[in-house]
Every structure is written in structure tokens, then in C-alpha cells.
Amino acid sequence: MFRQTKKNQKLSLFTSSHIILRGQALKMYEDSKEWHNQFRVHVTERIKEVIFPPLFCDGFGAPNASIRVLVGMMVLKETNGWSDSQLFDHTHFNP
């Protein structure tokens, strides 16, 4: 079942950047000029999800993960020459 990613999805109370990060790390995370924010604006937000629904069954199965996040992860993986395990290490343990 295809589900489109919500625009400007807010973090929950338990995943807020203000709870996880402090000081200089929080400033870097929120700085619009940092690479991760530029990547979000110029890569992930430009991914057109409207082309993906034919890959999913209607009304059957669990909803998909965010297509934008998945494609963004694939771009990071290929750009950095990471293996699958390196990609998962970076996305799970390197916010």
C-alpha cells in the first residue's frame, strides 16, 4: 500500500532535536547552510513520489517507508561508496 510522505513532517516530543542535541551540535543541525539541510532541500524534497504508486498494491500490506528517505539514503550510499552495512551504521548511529 503506497503512502506519500507528509511535507514538513514534525518531530515528536521524544525525537526532538532539542532533546537529542545541545550547544554547537544543535546549531549545526539547525543551520540551513549545513550540508544535510542543503541535501534535504535540493535532493530529498525534489523527489517526485507520484511516480512510485504503481510499485505498490492498493489496499494490501503495510504502508511503505518514506520514498524520499529511501531514495535519499540510496543517493548517500552511492555518492560515498558505502556498502549496505556502512549505510545502516551511518543512518542509525550518526544523526
PDB file of N, CA and C in Angstrom:
ATOM      1  N   MET A   1       0.849  -1.170   0.000  1.00  0.00           N
ATOM      2  CA  MET A   1       0.000   0.000   0.000  1.00  0.00           C
ATOM      3  C   MET A   1       0.897   1.236   0.000  1.00  0.00           C
ATOM      4  N   PHE A   2       0.697   2.117  -0.969  1.00  0.00           N
ATOM      5  CA  PHE A   2       1.513   3.322  -1.097  1.00  0.00           C
ATOM      6  C   PHE A   2       0.965   4.446  -0.229  1.00  0.00           C
ATOM      7  N   ARG A   3       1.877   5.109   0.474  1.00  0.00           N
ATOM      8  CA  ARG A   3       1.518   6.281   1.260  1.00  0.00           C
ATOM      9  C   ARG A   3       2.559   7.361   0.982  1.00  0.00           C
ATOM     10  N   GLN A   4       2.118   8.523   0.546  1.00  0.00           N
ATOM     11  CA  GLN A   4       3.024   9.617   0.218  1.00  0.00           C
ATOM     12  C   GLN A   4       3.566  10.249   1.494  1.00  0.00           C
ATOM     13  N   THR A   5       4.802  10.723   1.446  1.00  0.00           N
ATOM     14  CA  THR A   5       5.437  11.368   2.587  1.00  0.00           C
ATOM     15  C   THR A   5       4.772  12.707   2.870  1.00  0.00           C
ATOM     16  N   LYS A   6       4.539  12.992   4.153  1.00  0.00           N
ATOM     17  CA  LYS A   6       3.963  14.279   4.540  1.00  0.00           C
ATOM     18  C   LYS A   6       5.013  15.366   4.384  1.00  0.00           C
ATOM     19  N   LYS A   7       4.608  16.513   3.886  1.00  0.00           N
ATOM     20  CA  LYS A   7       5.516  17.656   3.750  1.00  0.00           C
ATOM     21  C   LYS A   7       5.794  18.238   5.128  1.00  0.00           C
ATOM     22  N   ASN A   8       7.047  18.616   5.359  1.00  0.00           N
ATOM     23  CA  ASN A   8       7.468  19.249   6.613  1.00  0.00           C
ATOM     24  C   ASN A   8       7.005  18.476   7.835  1.00  0.00           C
ATOM     25  N   GLN A   9       7.277  17.189   7.824  1.00  0.00           N
ATOM     26  CA  GLN A   9       6.869  16.347   8.943  1.00  0.00           C
ATOM     27  C   GLN A   9       7.615  16.765  10.204  1.00  0.00           C
ATOM     28  N   LYS A  10       6.880  17.008  11.264  1.00  0.00           N
ATOM     29  CA  LYS A  10       7.448  17.467  12.528  1.00  0.00           C
ATOM     30  C   LYS A  10       7.946  16.275  13.335  1.00  0.00           C
ATOM     31  N   LEU A  11       8.987  16.534  14.128  1.00  0.00           N
ATOM     32  CA  LEU A  11       9.483  15.507  15.029  1.00  0.00           C
ATOM     33  C   LEU A  11       8.554  15.410  16.224  1.00  0.00           C
ATOM     34  N   SER A  12       8.487  14.252  16.836  1.00  0.00           N
ATOM     35  CA  SER A  12       7.646  14.081  18.010  1.00  0.00           C
ATOM     36  C   SER A  12       8.371  14.605  19.244  1.00  0.00           C
ATOM     37  N   LEU A  13       7.683  14.615  20.349  1.00  0.00           N
ATOM     38  CA  LEU A  13       8.253  15.063  21.611  1.00  0.00           C
ATOM     39  C   LEU A  13       9.490  14.253  21.968  1.00  0.00           C
ATOM     40  N   PHE A  14       9.491  12.965  21.623  1.00  0.00           N
ATOM     41  CA  PHE A  14      10.573  12.083  22.016  1.00  0.00           C
ATOM     42  C   PHE A  14      11.719  12.055  21.005  1.00  0.00           C
ATOM     43  N   THR A  15      11.548  12.661  19.839  1.00  0.00           N
ATOM     44  CA  THR A  15      12.616  12.680  18.846  1.00  0.00           C
ATOM     45  C   THR A  15      13.029  14.104  18.480  1.00  0.00           C
ATOM     46  N   SER A  16      12.672  15.065  19.286  1.00  0.00           N
ATOM     47  CA  SER A  16      13.006  16.457  19.024  1.00  0.00           C
ATOM     48  C   SER A  16      14.526  16.646  19.038  1.00  0.00           C
ATOM     49  N   SER A  17      15.033  17.444  18.102  1.00  0.00           N
ATOM     50  CA  SER A  17      16.469  17.704  18.051  1.00  0.00           C
ATOM     51  C   SER A  17      16.953  18.423  19.310  1.00  0.00           C
ATOM     52  N   HIS A  18      16.080  19.165  19.977  1.00  0.00           N
ATOM     53  CA  HIS A  18      16.460  19.882  21.191  1.00  0.00           C
ATOM     54  C   HIS A  18      16.698  18.932  22.361  1.00  0.00           C
ATOM     55  N   ILE A  19      16.103  17.753  22.323  1.00  0.00           N
ATOM     56  CA  ILE A  19      16.313  16.758  23.367  1.00  0.00           C
ATOM     57  C   ILE A  19      17.591  15.968  23.099  1.00  0.00           C
ATOM     58  N   ILE A  20      17.848  15.678  21.820  1.00  0.00           N
ATOM     59  CA  ILE A  20      18.985  14.842  21.446  1.00  0.00           C
ATOM     60  C   ILE A  20      20.285  15.636  21.389  1.00  0.00           C
ATOM     61  N   LEU A  21      20.238  16.867  20.876  1.00  0.00           N
ATOM     62  CA  LEU A  21      21.445  17.659  20.642  1.00  0.00           C
ATOM     63  C   LEU A  21      21.487  18.891  21.531  1.00  0.00           C
ATOM     64  N   ARG A  22      22.704  19.362  21.807  1.00  0.00           N
ATOM     65  CA  ARG A  22      22.892  20.561  22.621  1.00  0.00           C
ATOM     66  C   ARG A  22      24.032  21.401  22.038  1.00  0.00           C
ATOM     67  N   GLY A  23      24.072  22.663  22.382  1.00  0.00           N
ATOM     68  CA  GLY A  23      25.189  23.546  22.060  1.00  0.00           C
ATOM     69  C   GLY A  23      25.507  23.642  20.579  1.00  0.00           C
ATOM     70  N   GLN A  24      26.790  23.470  20.254  1.00  0.00           N
ATOM     71  CA  GLN A  24      27.277  23.605  18.883  1.00  0.00           C
ATOM     72  C   GLN A  24      26.644  22.572  17.953  1.00  0.00           C
ATOM     73  N   ALA A  25      26.427  21.368  18.442  1.00  0.00           N
ATOM     74  CA  ALA A  25      25.815  20.325  17.606  1.00  0.00           C
ATOM     75  C   ALA A  25      24.402  20.729  17.184  1.00  0.00           C
ATOM     76  N   LEU A  26      23.636  21.311  18.097  1.00  0.00           N
ATOM     77  CA  LEU A  26      22.283  21.775  17.773  1.00  0.00           C
ATOM     78  C   LEU A  26      22.324  22.925  16.772  1.00  0.00           C
ATOM     79  N   LYS A  27      23.275  23.848  16.938  1.00  0.00           N
ATOM     80  CA  LYS A  27      23.412  24.957  15.993  1.00  0.00           C
ATOM     81  C   LYS A  27      23.722  24.442  14.590  1.00  0.00           C
ATOM     82  N   MET A  28      24.639  23.484  14.496  1.00  0.00           N
ATOM     83  CA  MET A  28      24.995  22.917  13.194  1.00  0.00           C
ATOM     84  C   MET A  28      23.806  22.185  12.585  1.00  0.00           C
ATOM     85  N   TYR A  29      23.062  21.463  13.406  1.00  0.00           N
ATOM     86  CA  TYR A  29      21.910  20.706  12.924  1.00  0.00           C
ATOM     87  C   TYR A  29      20.838  21.633  12.350  1.00  0.00           C
ATOM     88  N   GLU A  30      20.640  22.774  12.970  1.00  0.00           N
ATOM     89  CA  GLU A  30      19.590  23.697  12.544  1.00  0.00           C
ATOM     90  C   GLU A  30      20.043  24.716  11.503  1.00  0.00           C
ATOM     91  N   ASP A  31      21.345  24.793  11.229  1.00  0.00           N
ATOM     92  CA  ASP A  31      21.876  25.758  10.262  1.00  0.00           C
ATOM     93  C   ASP A  31      21.462  25.367   8.845  1.00  0.00           C
ATOM     94  N   SER A  32      20.746  26.257   8.164  1.00  0.00           N
ATOM     95  CA  SER A  32      20.250  25.957   6.820  1.00  0.00           C
ATOM     96  C   SER A  32      21.369  25.831   5.791  1.00  0.00           C
ATOM     97  N   LYS A  33      22.575  26.284   6.108  1.00  0.00           N
ATOM     98  CA  LYS A  33      23.696  26.199   5.175  1.00  0.00           C
ATOM     99  C   LYS A  33      24.497  24.905   5.319  1.00  0.00           C
ATOM    100  N   GLU A  34      24.233  24.123   6.349  1.00  0.00           N
ATOM    101  CA  GLU A  34      24.945  22.847   6.532  1.00  0.00           C
ATOM    102  C   GLU A  34      24.540  21.864   5.447  1.00  0.00           C
ATOM    103  N   TRP A  35      25.436  20.926   5.138  1.00  0.00           N
ATOM    104  CA  TRP A  35      25.223  20.018   4.001  1.00  0.00           C
ATOM    105  C   TRP A  35      23.954  19.193   4.129  1.00  0.00           C
ATOM    106  N   HIS A  36      23.612  18.739   5.345  1.00  0.00           N
ATOM    107  CA  HIS A  36      22.442  17.870   5.498  1.00  0.00           C
ATOM    108  C   HIS A  36      21.143  18.633   5.213  1.00  0.00           C
ATOM    109  N   ASN A  37      21.087  19.907   5.566  1.00  0.00           N
ATOM    110  CA  ASN A  37      19.897  20.703   5.251  1.00  0.00           C
ATOM    111  C   ASN A  37      19.851  21.049   3.764  1.00  0.00           C
ATOM    112  N   GLN A  38      21.002  21.308   3.167  1.00  0.00           N
ATOM    113  CA  GLN A  38      21.058  21.538   1.727  1.00  0.00           C
ATOM    114  C   GLN A  38      20.663  20.279   0.957  1.00  0.00           C
ATOM    115  N   PHE A  39      21.102  19.113   1.441  1.00  0.00           N
ATOM    116  CA  PHE A  39      20.747  17.830   0.825  1.00  0.00           C
ATOM    117  C   PHE A  39      19.229  17.625   0.888  1.00  0.00           C
ATOM    118  N   ARG A  40      18.642  17.930   2.030  1.00  0.00           N
ATOM    119  CA  ARG A  40      17.187  17.784   2.181  1.00  0.00           C
ATOM    120  C   ARG A  40      16.445  18.677   1.198  1.00  0.00           C
ATOM    121  N   VAL A  41      16.872  19.943   1.100  1.00  0.00           N
ATOM    122  CA  VAL A  41      16.190  20.907   0.231  1.00  0.00           C
ATOM    123  C   VAL A  41      16.393  20.578  -1.245  1.00  0.00           C
ATOM    124  N   HIS A  42      17.631  20.275  -1.627  1.00  0.00           N
ATOM    125  CA  HIS A  42      17.953  20.132  -3.046  1.00  0.00           C
ATOM    126  C   HIS A  42      17.845  18.704  -3.580  1.00  0.00           C
ATOM    127  N   VAL A  43      17.745  17.716  -2.701  1.00  0.00           N
ATOM    128  CA  VAL A  43      17.635  16.332  -3.169  1.00  0.00           C
ATOM    129  C   VAL A  43      16.323  15.706  -2.701  1.00  0.00           C
ATOM    130  N   THR A  44      16.188  15.478  -1.405  1.00  0.00           N
ATOM    131  CA  THR A  44      15.030  14.707  -0.932  1.00  0.00           C
ATOM    132  C   THR A  44      13.694  15.404  -1.167  1.00  0.00           C
ATOM    133  N   GLU A  45      13.640  16.706  -0.996  1.00  0.00           N
ATOM    134  CA  GLU A  45      12.364  17.400  -1.209  1.00  0.00           C
ATOM    135  C   GLU A  45      11.982  17.506  -2.685  1.00  0.00           C
ATOM    136  N   ARG A  46      12.916  17.244  -3.579  1.00  0.00           N
ATOM    137  CA  ARG A  46      12.635  17.300  -5.018  1.00  0.00           C
ATOM    138  C   ARG A  46      12.244  15.946  -5.604  1.00  0.00           C
ATOM    139  N   ILE A  47      12.263  14.918  -4.801  1.00  0.00           N
ATOM    140  CA  ILE A  47      11.898  13.585  -5.287  1.00  0.00           C
ATOM    141  C   ILE A  47      10.386  13.545  -5.492  1.00  0.00           C
ATOM    142  N   LYS A  48       9.975  13.234  -6.698  1.00  0.00           N
ATOM    143  CA  LYS A  48       8.558  13.180  -7.054  1.00  0.00           C
ATOM    144  C   LYS A  48       8.006  11.792  -6.713  1.00  0.00           C
ATOM    145  N   GLU A  49       7.271  11.716  -5.639  1.00  0.00           N
ATOM    146  CA  GLU A  49       6.726  10.429  -5.203  1.00  0.00           C
ATOM    147  C   GLU A  49       5.561   9.942  -6.051  1.00  0.00           C
ATOM    148  N   VAL A  50       5.011  10.809  -6.883  1.00  0.00           N
ATOM    149  CA  VAL A  50       3.833  10.440  -7.678  1.00  0.00           C
ATOM    150  C   VAL A  50       4.136   9.350  -8.699  1.00  0.00           C
ATOM    151  N   ILE A  51       5.405   9.085  -8.990  1.00  0.00           N
ATOM    152  CA  ILE A  51       5.747   8.034  -9.953  1.00  0.00           C
ATOM    153  C   ILE A  51       5.850   6.659  -9.311  1.00  0.00           C
ATOM    154  N   PHE A  52       5.797   6.557  -7.984  1.00  0.00           N
ATOM    155  CA  PHE A  52       6.023   5.300  -7.282  1.00  0.00           C
ATOM    156  C   PHE A  52       4.787   4.451  -6.972  1.00  0.00           C
ATOM    157  N   PRO A  53       3.564   4.990  -6.916  1.00  0.00           N
ATOM    158  CA  PRO A  53       2.408   4.160  -6.558  1.00  0.00           C
ATOM    159  C   PRO A  53       2.230   2.874  -7.378  1.00  0.00           C
ATOM    160  N   PRO A  54       2.567   2.849  -8.679  1.00  0.00           N
ATOM    161  CA  PRO A  54       2.395   1.586  -9.414  1.00  0.00           C
ATOM    162  C   PRO A  54       3.246   0.430  -8.872  1.00  0.00           C
ATOM    163  N   LEU A  55       4.244   0.733  -8.071  1.00  0.00           N
ATOM    164  CA  LEU A  55       5.088  -0.316  -7.500  1.00  0.00           C
ATOM    165  C   LEU A  55       4.456  -0.977  -6.280  1.00  0.00           C
ATOM    166  N   PHE A  56       3.317  -0.468  -5.820  1.00  0.00           N
ATOM    167  CA  PHE A  56       2.675  -0.961  -4.605  1.00  0.00           C
ATOM    168  C   PHE A  56       1.261  -1.448  -4.907  1.00  0.00           C
ATOM    169  N   CYS A  57       0.804  -2.430  -4.120  1.00  0.00           N
ATOM    170  CA  CYS A  57      -0.562  -2.929  -4.242  1.00  0.00           C
ATOM    171  C   CYS A  57      -1.512  -1.970  -3.531  1.00  0.00           C
ATOM    172  N   ASP A  58      -2.697  -1.779  -4.094  1.00  0.00           N
ATOM    173  CA  ASP A  58      -3.702  -0.941  -3.446  1.00  0.00           C
ATOM    174  C   ASP A  58      -4.376  -1.701  -2.310  1.00  0.00           C
ATOM    175  N   GLY A  59      -4.390  -1.100  -1.133  1.00  0.00           N
ATOM    176  CA  GLY A  59      -5.113  -1.658  -0.002  1.00  0.00           C
ATOM    177  C   GLY A  59      -4.586  -2.963   0.546  1.00  0.00           C
ATOM    178  N   PHE A  60      -3.373  -3.332   0.175  1.00  0.00           N
ATOM    179  CA  PHE A  60      -2.836  -4.617   0.636  1.00  0.00           C
ATOM    180  C   PHE A  60      -1.451  -4.388   1.230  1.00  0.00           C
ATOM    181  N   GLY A  61      -1.220  -4.892   2.410  1.00  0.00           N
ATOM    182  CA  GLY A  61       0.092  -4.794   3.038  1.00  0.00           C
ATOM    183  C   GLY A  61       0.259  -3.545   3.867  1.00  0.00           C
ATOM    184  N   ALA A  62       1.412  -3.465   4.470  1.00  0.00           N
ATOM    185  CA  ALA A  62       1.737  -2.330   5.321  1.00  0.00           C
ATOM    186  C   ALA A  62       2.118  -1.134   4.457  1.00  0.00           C
ATOM    187  N   PRO A  63       1.886   0.075   4.953  1.00  0.00           N
ATOM    188  CA  PRO A  63       2.302   1.263   4.206  1.00  0.00           C
ATOM    189  C   PRO A  63       3.824   1.284   4.033  1.00  0.00           C
ATOM    190  N   ASN A  64       4.260   1.894   2.970  1.00  0.00           N
ATOM    191  CA  ASN A  64       5.685   1.975   2.676  1.00  0.00           C
ATOM    192  C   ASN A  64       6.391   2.963   3.592  1.00  0.00           C
ATOM    193  N   ALA A  65       7.707   2.797   3.688  1.00  0.00           N
ATOM    194  CA  ALA A  65       8.531   3.813   4.337  1.00  0.00           C
ATOM    195  C   ALA A  65       8.569   5.019   3.403  1.00  0.00           C
ATOM    196  N   SER A  66       9.017   6.136   3.884  1.00  0.00           N
ATOM    197  CA  SER A  66       9.083   7.346   3.070  1.00  0.00           C
ATOM    198  C   SER A  66       9.972   7.110   1.849  1.00  0.00           C
ATOM    199  N   ILE A  67       9.396   7.266   0.669  1.00  0.00           N
ATOM    200  CA  ILE A  67      10.149   7.105  -0.570  1.00  0.00           C
ATOM    201  C   ILE A  67      11.285   8.122  -0.628  1.00  0.00           C
ATOM    202  N   ARG A  68      11.016   9.327  -0.177  1.00  0.00           N
ATOM    203  CA  ARG A  68      12.055  10.363  -0.186  1.00  0.00           C
ATOM    204  C   ARG A  68      13.245   9.963   0.676  1.00  0.00           C
ATOM    205  N   VAL A  69      12.983   9.416   1.847  1.00  0.00           N
ATOM    206  CA  VAL A  69      14.068   8.984   2.727  1.00  0.00           C
ATOM    207  C   VAL A  69      14.835   7.825   2.093  1.00  0.00           C
ATOM    208  N   LEU A  70      14.124   6.858   1.539  1.00  0.00           N
ATOM    209  CA  LEU A  70      14.784   5.699   0.936  1.00  0.00           C
ATOM    210  C   LEU A  70      15.657   6.091  -0.254  1.00  0.00           C
ATOM    211  N   VAL A  71      15.139   6.941  -1.138  1.00  0.00           N
ATOM    212  CA  VAL A  71      15.923   7.378  -2.291  1.00  0.00           C
ATOM    213  C   VAL A  71      17.102   8.246  -1.831  1.00  0.00           C
ATOM    214  N   GLY A  72      16.868   9.100  -0.845  1.00  0.00           N
ATOM    215  CA  GLY A  72      17.956   9.912  -0.290  1.00  0.00           C
ATOM    216  C   GLY A  72      19.060   9.049   0.287  1.00  0.00           C
ATOM    217  N   MET A  73      18.685   7.977   0.974  1.00  0.00           N
ATOM    218  CA  MET A  73      19.679   7.048   1.515  1.00  0.00           C
ATOM    219  C   MET A  73      20.463   6.368   0.387  1.00  0.00           C
ATOM    220  N   MET A  74      19.783   6.022  -0.695  1.00  0.00           N
ATOM    221  CA  MET A  74      20.468   5.402  -1.829  1.00  0.00           C
ATOM    222  C   MET A  74      21.459   6.380  -2.469  1.00  0.00           C
ATOM    223  N   VAL A  75      21.084   7.649  -2.550  1.00  0.00           N
ATOM    224  CA  VAL A  75      21.991   8.663  -3.098  1.00  0.00           C
ATOM    225  C   VAL A  75      23.223   8.792  -2.214  1.00  0.00           C
ATOM    226  N   LEU A  76      23.020   8.872  -0.891  1.00  0.00           N
ATOM    227  CA  LEU A  76      24.162   8.967   0.031  1.00  0.00           C
ATOM    228  C   LEU A  76      25.058   7.745  -0.083  1.00  0.00           C
ATOM    229  N   LYS A  77      24.461   6.573  -0.179  1.00  0.00           N
ATOM    230  CA  LYS A  77      25.226   5.333  -0.278  1.00  0.00           C
ATOM    231  C   LYS A  77      26.109   5.336  -1.513  1.00  0.00           C
ATOM    232  N   GLU A  78      25.538   5.651  -2.660  1.00  0.00           N
ATOM    233  CA  GLU A  78      26.296   5.626  -3.912  1.00  0.00           C
ATOM    234  C   GLU A  78      27.322   6.757  -3.977  1.00  0.00           C
ATOM    235  N   THR A  79      26.963   7.935  -3.475  1.00  0.00           N
ATOM    236  CA  THR A  79      27.879   9.079  -3.503  1.00  0.00           C
ATOM    237  C   THR A  79      29.116   8.830  -2.658  1.00  0.00           C
ATOM    238  N   ASN A  80      28.922   8.201  -1.497  1.00  0.00           N
ATOM    239  CA  ASN A  80      30.040   7.967  -0.581  1.00  0.00           C
ATOM    240  C   ASN A  80      30.719   6.622  -0.784  1.00  0.00           C
ATOM    241  N   GLY A  81      30.191   5.803  -1.679  1.00  0.00           N
ATOM    242  CA  GLY A  81      30.784   4.490  -1.918  1.00  0.00           C
ATOM    243  C   GLY A  81      30.632   3.544  -0.737  1.00  0.00           C
ATOM    244  N   TRP A  82      29.536   3.700   0.010  1.00  0.00           N
ATOM    245  CA  TRP A  82      29.310   2.866   1.186  1.00  0.00           C
ATOM    246  C   TRP A  82      28.692   1.533   0.796  1.00  0.00           C
ATOM    247  N   SER A  83      28.959   0.519   1.605  1.00  0.00           N
ATOM    248  CA  SER A  83      28.241  -0.750   1.488  1.00  0.00           C
ATOM    249  C   SER A  83      26.898  -0.590   2.190  1.00  0.00           C
ATOM    250  N   ASP A  84      26.035  -1.593   2.064  1.00  0.00           N
ATOM    251  CA  ASP A  84      24.748  -1.537   2.777  1.00  0.00           C
ATOM    252  C   ASP A  84      24.955  -1.419   4.280  1.00  0.00           C
ATOM    253  N   SER A  85      25.889  -2.189   4.819  1.00  0.00           N
ATOM    254  CA  SER A  85      26.099  -2.153   6.270  1.00  0.00           C
ATOM    255  C   SER A  85      26.650  -0.797   6.717  1.00  0.00           C
ATOM    256  N   GLN A  86      27.523  -0.181   5.910  1.00  0.00           N
ATOM    257  CA  GLN A  86      28.024   1.151   6.256  1.00  0.00           C
ATOM    258  C   GLN A  86      26.900   2.179   6.219  1.00  0.00           C
ATOM    259  N   LEU A  87      26.025   2.072   5.234  1.00  0.00           N
ATOM    260  CA  LEU A  87      24.874   2.970   5.154  1.00  0.00           C
ATOM    261  C   LEU A  87      24.017   2.859   6.408  1.00  0.00           C
ATOM    262  N   PHE A  88      23.691   1.640   6.813  1.00  0.00           N
ATOM    263  CA  PHE A  88      22.867   1.464   8.006  1.00  0.00           C
ATOM    264  C   PHE A  88      23.579   1.938   9.262  1.00  0.00           C
ATOM    265  N   ASP A  89      24.900   1.730   9.353  1.00  0.00           N
ATOM    266  CA  ASP A  89      25.640   2.243  10.502  1.00  0.00           C
ATOM    267  C   ASP A  89      25.547   3.768  10.561  1.00  0.00           C
ATOM    268  N   HIS A  90      25.730   4.431   9.422  1.00  0.00           N
ATOM    269  CA  HIS A  90      25.687   5.895   9.395  1.00  0.00           C
ATOM    270  C   HIS A  90      24.285   6.426   9.688  1.00  0.00           C
ATOM    271  N   THR A  91      23.259   5.775   9.187  1.00  0.00           N
ATOM    272  CA  THR A  91      21.904   6.290   9.398  1.00  0.00           C
ATOM    273  C   THR A  91      21.355   5.952  10.772  1.00  0.00           C
ATOM    274  N   HIS A  92      21.840   4.895  11.394  1.00  0.00           N
ATOM    275  CA  HIS A  92      21.356   4.551  12.731  1.00  0.00           C
ATOM    276  C   HIS A  92      22.152   5.209  13.844  1.00  0.00           C
ATOM    277  N   PHE A  93      23.453   5.365  13.651  1.00  0.00           N
ATOM    278  CA  PHE A  93      24.304   5.804  14.757  1.00  0.00           C
ATOM    279  C   PHE A  93      24.986   7.136  14.526  1.00  0.00           C
ATOM    280  N   ASN A  94      24.680   7.820  13.424  1.00  0.00           N
ATOM    281  CA  ASN A  94      25.328   9.086  13.117  1.00  0.00           C
ATOM    282  C   ASN A  94      24.261  10.107  12.722  1.00  0.00           C
ATOM    283  N   PRO A  95      23.592  10.696  13.728  1.00  0.00           N
ATOM    284  CA  PRO A  95      22.472  11.589  13.393  1.00  0.00           C
ATOM    285  C   PRO A  95      22.944  12.800  12.634  1.00  0.00           C
TER     286      PRO A  95
END
